[in-house]
Amino acid sequence: MGKIQGIPKLLEYLEQRSCPMTEEQIQQLLSERTIPHARPYGDMILFDENHIEWWIEEQRKTDKLVTD
């Protein structure tokens, strides 16, 4: 797995993983620090695919617990 650079690429990735979100939702998660990411310098935002996969699975578990 690799790195996802920037919110637009993350949105595409999440769409492919059947976890669609809006840019506003991602911005909110970033401000809350609840989505794994790194800011190596400046405005650059990197997302590690392995960490995002883990995060997606955790969200699905949480959603399932709430709906059960």
PDB file of N, CA and C in Angstrom:
ATOM      1  N   MET A   1       0.841  -1.179   0.000  1.00  0.00           N
ATOM      2  CA  MET A   1       0.000   0.000   0.000  1.00  0.00           C
ATOM      3  C   MET A   1       0.886   1.242   0.000  1.00  0.00           C
ATOM      4  N   GLY A   2       0.266   2.370  -0.300  1.00  0.00           N
ATOM      5  CA  GLY A   2       1.057   3.581  -0.415  1.00  0.00           C
ATOM      6  C   GLY A   2       0.433   4.758   0.291  1.00  0.00           C
ATOM      7  N   LYS A   3       0.738   5.903  -0.235  1.00  0.00           N
ATOM      8  CA  LYS A   3       0.265   7.158   0.321  1.00  0.00           C
ATOM      9  C   LYS A   3      -0.786   7.775  -0.596  1.00  0.00           C
ATOM     10  N   ILE A   4      -1.709   8.478   0.005  1.00  0.00           N
ATOM     11  CA  ILE A   4      -2.731   9.237  -0.719  1.00  0.00           C
ATOM     12  C   ILE A   4      -2.435  10.696  -0.412  1.00  0.00           C
ATOM     13  N   GLN A   5      -2.219  11.481  -1.448  1.00  0.00           N
ATOM     14  CA  GLN A   5      -1.859  12.877  -1.237  1.00  0.00           C
ATOM     15  C   GLN A   5      -3.044  13.779  -1.516  1.00  0.00           C
ATOM     16  N   GLY A   6      -3.496  14.460  -0.491  1.00  0.00           N
ATOM     17  CA  GLY A   6      -4.540  15.466  -0.640  1.00  0.00           C
ATOM     18  C   GLY A   6      -5.953  14.928  -0.473  1.00  0.00           C
ATOM     19  N   ILE A   7      -6.836  15.845  -0.157  1.00  0.00           N
ATOM     20  CA  ILE A   7      -8.235  15.487   0.078  1.00  0.00           C
ATOM     21  C   ILE A   7      -8.927  14.981  -1.193  1.00  0.00           C
ATOM     22  N   PRO A   8      -8.725  15.609  -2.359  1.00  0.00           N
ATOM     23  CA  PRO A   8      -9.401  15.086  -3.567  1.00  0.00           C
ATOM     24  C   PRO A   8      -9.081  13.614  -3.841  1.00  0.00           C
ATOM     25  N   LYS A   9      -7.810  13.235  -3.681  1.00  0.00           N
ATOM     26  CA  LYS A   9      -7.427  11.827  -3.903  1.00  0.00           C
ATOM     27  C   LYS A   9      -8.040  10.937  -2.833  1.00  0.00           C
ATOM     28  N   LEU A  10      -8.108  11.423  -1.587  1.00  0.00           N
ATOM     29  CA  LEU A  10      -8.742  10.643  -0.524  1.00  0.00           C
ATOM     30  C   LEU A  10     -10.218  10.435  -0.821  1.00  0.00           C
ATOM     31  N   LEU A  11     -10.897  11.466  -1.317  1.00  0.00           N
ATOM     32  CA  LEU A  11     -12.315  11.332  -1.650  1.00  0.00           C
ATOM     33  C   LEU A  11     -12.529  10.258  -2.717  1.00  0.00           C
ATOM     34  N   GLU A  12     -11.654  10.228  -3.723  1.00  0.00           N
ATOM     35  CA  GLU A  12     -11.730   9.189  -4.758  1.00  0.00           C
ATOM     36  C   GLU A  12     -11.523   7.811  -4.146  1.00  0.00           C
ATOM     37  N   TYR A  13     -10.529   7.705  -3.285  1.00  0.00           N
ATOM     38  CA  TYR A  13     -10.220   6.427  -2.647  1.00  0.00           C
ATOM     39  C   TYR A  13     -11.401   5.942  -1.811  1.00  0.00           C
ATOM     40  N   LEU A  14     -11.979   6.826  -1.016  1.00  0.00           N
ATOM     41  CA  LEU A  14     -13.114   6.452  -0.179  1.00  0.00           C
ATOM     42  C   LEU A  14     -14.316   6.037  -1.025  1.00  0.00           C
ATOM     43  N   GLU A  15     -14.521   6.704  -2.139  1.00  0.00           N
ATOM     44  CA  GLU A  15     -15.615   6.345  -3.054  1.00  0.00           C
ATOM     45  C   GLU A  15     -15.414   4.924  -3.580  1.00  0.00           C
ATOM     46  N   GLN A  16     -14.190   4.589  -3.948  1.00  0.00           N
ATOM     47  CA  GLN A  16     -13.879   3.244  -4.436  1.00  0.00           C
ATOM     48  C   GLN A  16     -14.092   2.193  -3.362  1.00  0.00           C
ATOM     49  N   ARG A  17     -13.941   2.571  -2.107  1.00  0.00           N
ATOM     50  CA  ARG A  17     -14.094   1.644  -0.979  1.00  0.00           C
ATOM     51  C   ARG A  17     -15.506   1.660  -0.404  1.00  0.00           C
ATOM     52  N   SER A  18     -16.449   2.231  -1.167  1.00  0.00           N
ATOM     53  CA  SER A  18     -17.860   2.311  -0.754  1.00  0.00           C
ATOM     54  C   SER A  18     -18.021   3.030   0.580  1.00  0.00           C
ATOM     55  N   CYS A  19     -17.256   4.081   0.733  1.00  0.00           N
ATOM     56  CA  CYS A  19     -17.322   4.909   1.937  1.00  0.00           C
ATOM     57  C   CYS A  19     -17.291   6.378   1.502  1.00  0.00           C
ATOM     58  N   PRO A  20     -18.282   6.785   0.692  1.00  0.00           N
ATOM     59  CA  PRO A  20     -18.243   8.152   0.137  1.00  0.00           C
ATOM     60  C   PRO A  20     -18.407   9.216   1.222  1.00  0.00           C
ATOM     61  N   MET A  21     -17.664  10.292   1.053  1.00  0.00           N
ATOM     62  CA  MET A  21     -17.731  11.423   1.975  1.00  0.00           C
ATOM     63  C   MET A  21     -17.575  12.700   1.172  1.00  0.00           C
ATOM     64  N   THR A  22     -17.904  13.810   1.809  1.00  0.00           N
ATOM     65  CA  THR A  22     -17.716  15.113   1.171  1.00  0.00           C
ATOM     66  C   THR A  22     -16.422  15.741   1.676  1.00  0.00           C
ATOM     67  N   GLU A  23     -15.971  16.743   0.964  1.00  0.00           N
ATOM     68  CA  GLU A  23     -14.770  17.450   1.398  1.00  0.00           C
ATOM     69  C   GLU A  23     -15.000  18.103   2.761  1.00  0.00           C
ATOM     70  N   GLU A  24     -16.203  18.610   2.972  1.00  0.00           N
ATOM     71  CA  GLU A  24     -16.519  19.232   4.255  1.00  0.00           C
ATOM     72  C   GLU A  24     -16.429  18.222   5.399  1.00  0.00           C
ATOM     73  N   GLN A  25     -16.886  17.007   5.167  1.00  0.00           N
ATOM     74  CA  GLN A  25     -16.794  15.968   6.194  1.00  0.00           C
ATOM     75  C   GLN A  25     -15.332  15.643   6.508  1.00  0.00           C
ATOM     76  N   ILE A  26     -14.511  15.558   5.475  1.00  0.00           N
ATOM     77  CA  ILE A  26     -13.085  15.279   5.677  1.00  0.00           C
ATOM     78  C   ILE A  26     -12.436  16.427   6.450  1.00  0.00           C
ATOM     79  N   GLN A  27     -12.763  17.658   6.077  1.00  0.00           N
ATOM     80  CA  GLN A  27     -12.201  18.808   6.790  1.00  0.00           C
ATOM     81  C   GLN A  27     -12.576  18.767   8.272  1.00  0.00           C
ATOM     82  N   GLN A  28     -13.821  18.380   8.557  1.00  0.00           N
ATOM     83  CA  GLN A  28     -14.268  18.281   9.943  1.00  0.00           C
ATOM     84  C   GLN A  28     -13.473  17.200  10.687  1.00  0.00           C
ATOM     85  N   LEU A  29     -13.304  16.038  10.051  1.00  0.00           N
ATOM     86  CA  LEU A  29     -12.534  14.952  10.664  1.00  0.00           C
ATOM     87  C   LEU A  29     -11.088  15.361  10.910  1.00  0.00           C
ATOM     88  N   LEU A  30     -10.525  16.117   9.973  1.00  0.00           N
ATOM     89  CA  LEU A  30      -9.155  16.600  10.142  1.00  0.00           C
ATOM     90  C   LEU A  30      -9.074  17.568  11.318  1.00  0.00           C
ATOM     91  N   SER A  31     -10.037  18.459  11.422  1.00  0.00           N
ATOM     92  CA  SER A  31      -9.996  19.427  12.520  1.00  0.00           C
ATOM     93  C   SER A  31     -10.198  18.745  13.874  1.00  0.00           C
ATOM     94  N   GLU A  32     -10.974  17.655  13.878  1.00  0.00           N
ATOM     95  CA  GLU A  32     -11.186  16.884  15.106  1.00  0.00           C
ATOM     96  C   GLU A  32     -10.055  15.890  15.367  1.00  0.00           C
ATOM     97  N   ARG A  33      -9.184  15.739  14.379  1.00  0.00           N
ATOM     98  CA  ARG A  33      -8.069  14.791  14.433  1.00  0.00           C
ATOM     99  C   ARG A  33      -8.564  13.357  14.622  1.00  0.00           C
ATOM    100  N   THR A  34      -9.649  13.011  13.929  1.00  0.00           N
ATOM    101  CA  THR A  34     -10.209  11.666  14.062  1.00  0.00           C
ATOM    102  C   THR A  34      -9.961  10.789  12.837  1.00  0.00           C
ATOM    103  N   ILE A  35      -9.289  11.321  11.836  1.00  0.00           N
ATOM    104  CA  ILE A  35      -8.914  10.516  10.664  1.00  0.00           C
ATOM    105  C   ILE A  35      -7.389  10.534  10.586  1.00  0.00           C
ATOM    106  N   PRO A  36      -6.776   9.361  10.405  1.00  0.00           N
ATOM    107  CA  PRO A  36      -5.302   9.319  10.387  1.00  0.00           C
ATOM    108  C   PRO A  36      -4.727  10.075   9.194  1.00  0.00           C
ATOM    109  N   HIS A  37      -3.800  10.959   9.486  1.00  0.00           N
ATOM    110  CA  HIS A  37      -3.167  11.750   8.430  1.00  0.00           C
ATOM    111  C   HIS A  37      -1.845  12.308   8.935  1.00  0.00           C
ATOM    112  N   ALA A  38      -1.092  12.851   8.007  1.00  0.00           N
ATOM    113  CA  ALA A  38       0.166  13.522   8.341  1.00  0.00           C
ATOM    114  C   ALA A  38       0.239  14.810   7.531  1.00  0.00           C
ATOM    115  N   ARG A  39       0.858  15.798   8.117  1.00  0.00           N
ATOM    116  CA  ARG A  39       1.106  17.075   7.434  1.00  0.00           C
ATOM    117  C   ARG A  39       2.620  17.294   7.453  1.00  0.00           C
ATOM    118  N   PRO A  40       3.331  16.718   6.460  1.00  0.00           N
ATOM    119  CA  PRO A  40       4.791  16.782   6.480  1.00  0.00           C
ATOM    120  C   PRO A  40       5.341  18.207   6.383  1.00  0.00           C
ATOM    121  N   TYR A  41       4.668  19.077   5.635  1.00  0.00           N
ATOM    122  CA  TYR A  41       5.073  20.480   5.571  1.00  0.00           C
ATOM    123  C   TYR A  41       3.993  21.274   4.855  1.00  0.00           C
ATOM    124  N   GLY A  42       3.889  22.530   5.224  1.00  0.00           N
ATOM    125  CA  GLY A  42       2.931  23.427   4.585  1.00  0.00           C
ATOM    126  C   GLY A  42       1.514  22.905   4.638  1.00  0.00           C
ATOM    127  N   ASP A  43       0.836  23.057   3.520  1.00  0.00           N
ATOM    128  CA  ASP A  43      -0.556  22.619   3.412  1.00  0.00           C
ATOM    129  C   ASP A  43      -0.693  21.181   2.928  1.00  0.00           C
ATOM    130  N   MET A  44       0.432  20.499   2.696  1.00  0.00           N
ATOM    131  CA  MET A  44       0.364  19.122   2.197  1.00  0.00           C
ATOM    132  C   MET A  44      -0.242  18.200   3.252  1.00  0.00           C
ATOM    133  N   ILE A  45      -1.188  17.376   2.819  1.00  0.00           N
ATOM    134  CA  ILE A  45      -1.803  16.382   3.702  1.00  0.00           C
ATOM    135  C   ILE A  45      -1.593  15.018   3.068  1.00  0.00           C
ATOM    136  N   LEU A  46      -1.048  14.085   3.833  1.00  0.00           N
ATOM    137  CA  LEU A  46      -0.850  12.721   3.365  1.00  0.00           C
ATOM    138  C   LEU A  46      -1.673  11.762   4.209  1.00  0.00           C
ATOM    139  N   PHE A  47      -2.221  10.767   3.526  1.00  0.00           N
ATOM    140  CA  PHE A  47      -2.975   9.708   4.185  1.00  0.00           C
ATOM    141  C   PHE A  47      -2.322   8.394   3.812  1.00  0.00           C
ATOM    142  N   ASP A  48      -2.025   7.561   4.781  1.00  0.00           N
ATOM    143  CA  ASP A  48      -1.456   6.241   4.539  1.00  0.00           C
ATOM    144  C   ASP A  48      -2.611   5.280   4.246  1.00  0.00           C
ATOM    145  N   GLU A  49      -2.523   4.561   3.131  1.00  0.00           N
ATOM    146  CA  GLU A  49      -3.615   3.658   2.738  1.00  0.00           C
ATOM    147  C   GLU A  49      -3.929   2.625   3.811  1.00  0.00           C
ATOM    148  N   ASN A  50      -2.908   2.059   4.439  1.00  0.00           N
ATOM    149  CA  ASN A  50      -3.154   1.062   5.493  1.00  0.00           C
ATOM    150  C   ASN A  50      -3.925   1.666   6.657  1.00  0.00           C
ATOM    151  N   HIS A  51      -3.547   2.872   7.041  1.00  0.00           N
ATOM    152  CA  HIS A  51      -4.241   3.536   8.149  1.00  0.00           C
ATOM    153  C   HIS A  51      -5.668   3.890   7.765  1.00  0.00           C
ATOM    154  N   ILE A  52      -5.873   4.308   6.529  1.00  0.00           N
ATOM    155  CA  ILE A  52      -7.227   4.646   6.075  1.00  0.00           C
ATOM    156  C   ILE A  52      -8.088   3.388   6.009  1.00  0.00           C
ATOM    157  N   GLU A  53      -7.522   2.279   5.553  1.00  0.00           N
ATOM    158  CA  GLU A  53      -8.277   1.014   5.530  1.00  0.00           C
ATOM    159  C   GLU A  53      -8.710   0.626   6.939  1.00  0.00           C
ATOM    160  N   TRP A  54      -7.785   0.761   7.897  1.00  0.00           N
ATOM    161  CA  TRP A  54      -8.117   0.473   9.291  1.00  0.00           C
ATOM    162  C   TRP A  54      -9.233   1.406   9.762  1.00  0.00           C
ATOM    163  N   TRP A  55      -9.119   2.685   9.451  1.00  0.00           N
ATOM    164  CA  TRP A  55     -10.100   3.683   9.871  1.00  0.00           C
ATOM    165  C   TRP A  55     -11.480   3.367   9.279  1.00  0.00           C
ATOM    166  N   ILE A  56     -11.528   2.985   8.008  1.00  0.00           N
ATOM    167  CA  ILE A  56     -12.799   2.631   7.367  1.00  0.00           C
ATOM    168  C   ILE A  56     -13.439   1.462   8.104  1.00  0.00           C
ATOM    169  N   GLU A  57     -12.655   0.434   8.396  1.00  0.00           N
ATOM    170  CA  GLU A  57     -13.190  -0.730   9.108  1.00  0.00           C
ATOM    171  C   GLU A  57     -13.707  -0.347  10.493  1.00  0.00           C
ATOM    172  N   GLU A  58     -13.006   0.517  11.183  1.00  0.00           N
ATOM    173  CA  GLU A  58     -13.456   0.983  12.497  1.00  0.00           C
ATOM    174  C   GLU A  58     -14.770   1.754  12.385  1.00  0.00           C
ATOM    175  N   GLN A  59     -14.903   2.558  11.328  1.00  0.00           N
ATOM    176  CA  GLN A  59     -16.145   3.309  11.133  1.00  0.00           C
ATOM    177  C   GLN A  59     -17.305   2.360  10.861  1.00  0.00           C
ATOM    178  N   ARG A  60     -17.035   1.338  10.076  1.00  0.00           N
ATOM    179  CA  ARG A  60     -18.091   0.358   9.770  1.00  0.00           C
ATOM    180  C   ARG A  60     -18.512  -0.393  11.026  1.00  0.00           C
ATOM    181  N   LYS A  61     -17.555  -0.736  11.885  1.00  0.00           N
ATOM    182  CA  LYS A  61     -17.890  -1.412  13.144  1.00  0.00           C
ATOM    183  C   LYS A  61     -18.752  -0.503  14.015  1.00  0.00           C
ATOM    184  N   THR A  62     -18.349   0.749  14.118  1.00  0.00           N
ATOM    185  CA  THR A  62     -19.077   1.712  14.934  1.00  0.00           C
ATOM    186  C   THR A  62     -20.480   1.899  14.389  1.00  0.00           C
ATOM    187  N   ASP A  63     -20.599   2.070  13.065  1.00  0.00           N
ATOM    188  CA  ASP A  63     -21.921   2.237  12.442  1.00  0.00           C
ATOM    189  C   ASP A  63     -22.779   1.022  12.691  1.00  0.00           C
ATOM    190  N   LYS A  64     -22.187  -0.180  12.596  1.00  0.00           N
ATOM    191  CA  LYS A  64     -22.952  -1.396  12.804  1.00  0.00           C
ATOM    192  C   LYS A  64     -23.449  -1.470  14.241  1.00  0.00           C
ATOM    193  N   LEU A  65     -22.612  -1.114  15.196  1.00  0.00           N
ATOM    194  CA  LEU A  65     -23.022  -1.147  16.593  1.00  0.00           C
ATOM    195  C   LEU A  65     -24.155  -0.168  16.854  1.00  0.00           C
ATOM    196  N   VAL A  66     -24.116   0.980  16.215  1.00  0.00           N
ATOM    197  CA  VAL A  66     -25.151   1.996  16.427  1.00  0.00           C
ATOM    198  C   VAL A  66     -26.477   1.540  15.833  1.00  0.00           C
ATOM    199  N   THR A  67     -26.438   0.858  14.690  1.00  0.00           N
ATOM    200  CA  THR A  67     -27.675   0.480  14.011  1.00  0.00           C
ATOM    201  C   THR A  67     -28.260  -0.806  14.543  1.00  0.00           C
ATOM    202  N   ASP A  68     -27.476  -1.629  15.250  1.00  0.00           N
ATOM    203  CA  ASP A  68     -27.998  -2.900  15.777  1.00  0.00           C
ATOM    204  C   ASP A  68     -28.894  -2.683  16.983  1.00  0.00           C
TER     205      ASP A  68
END
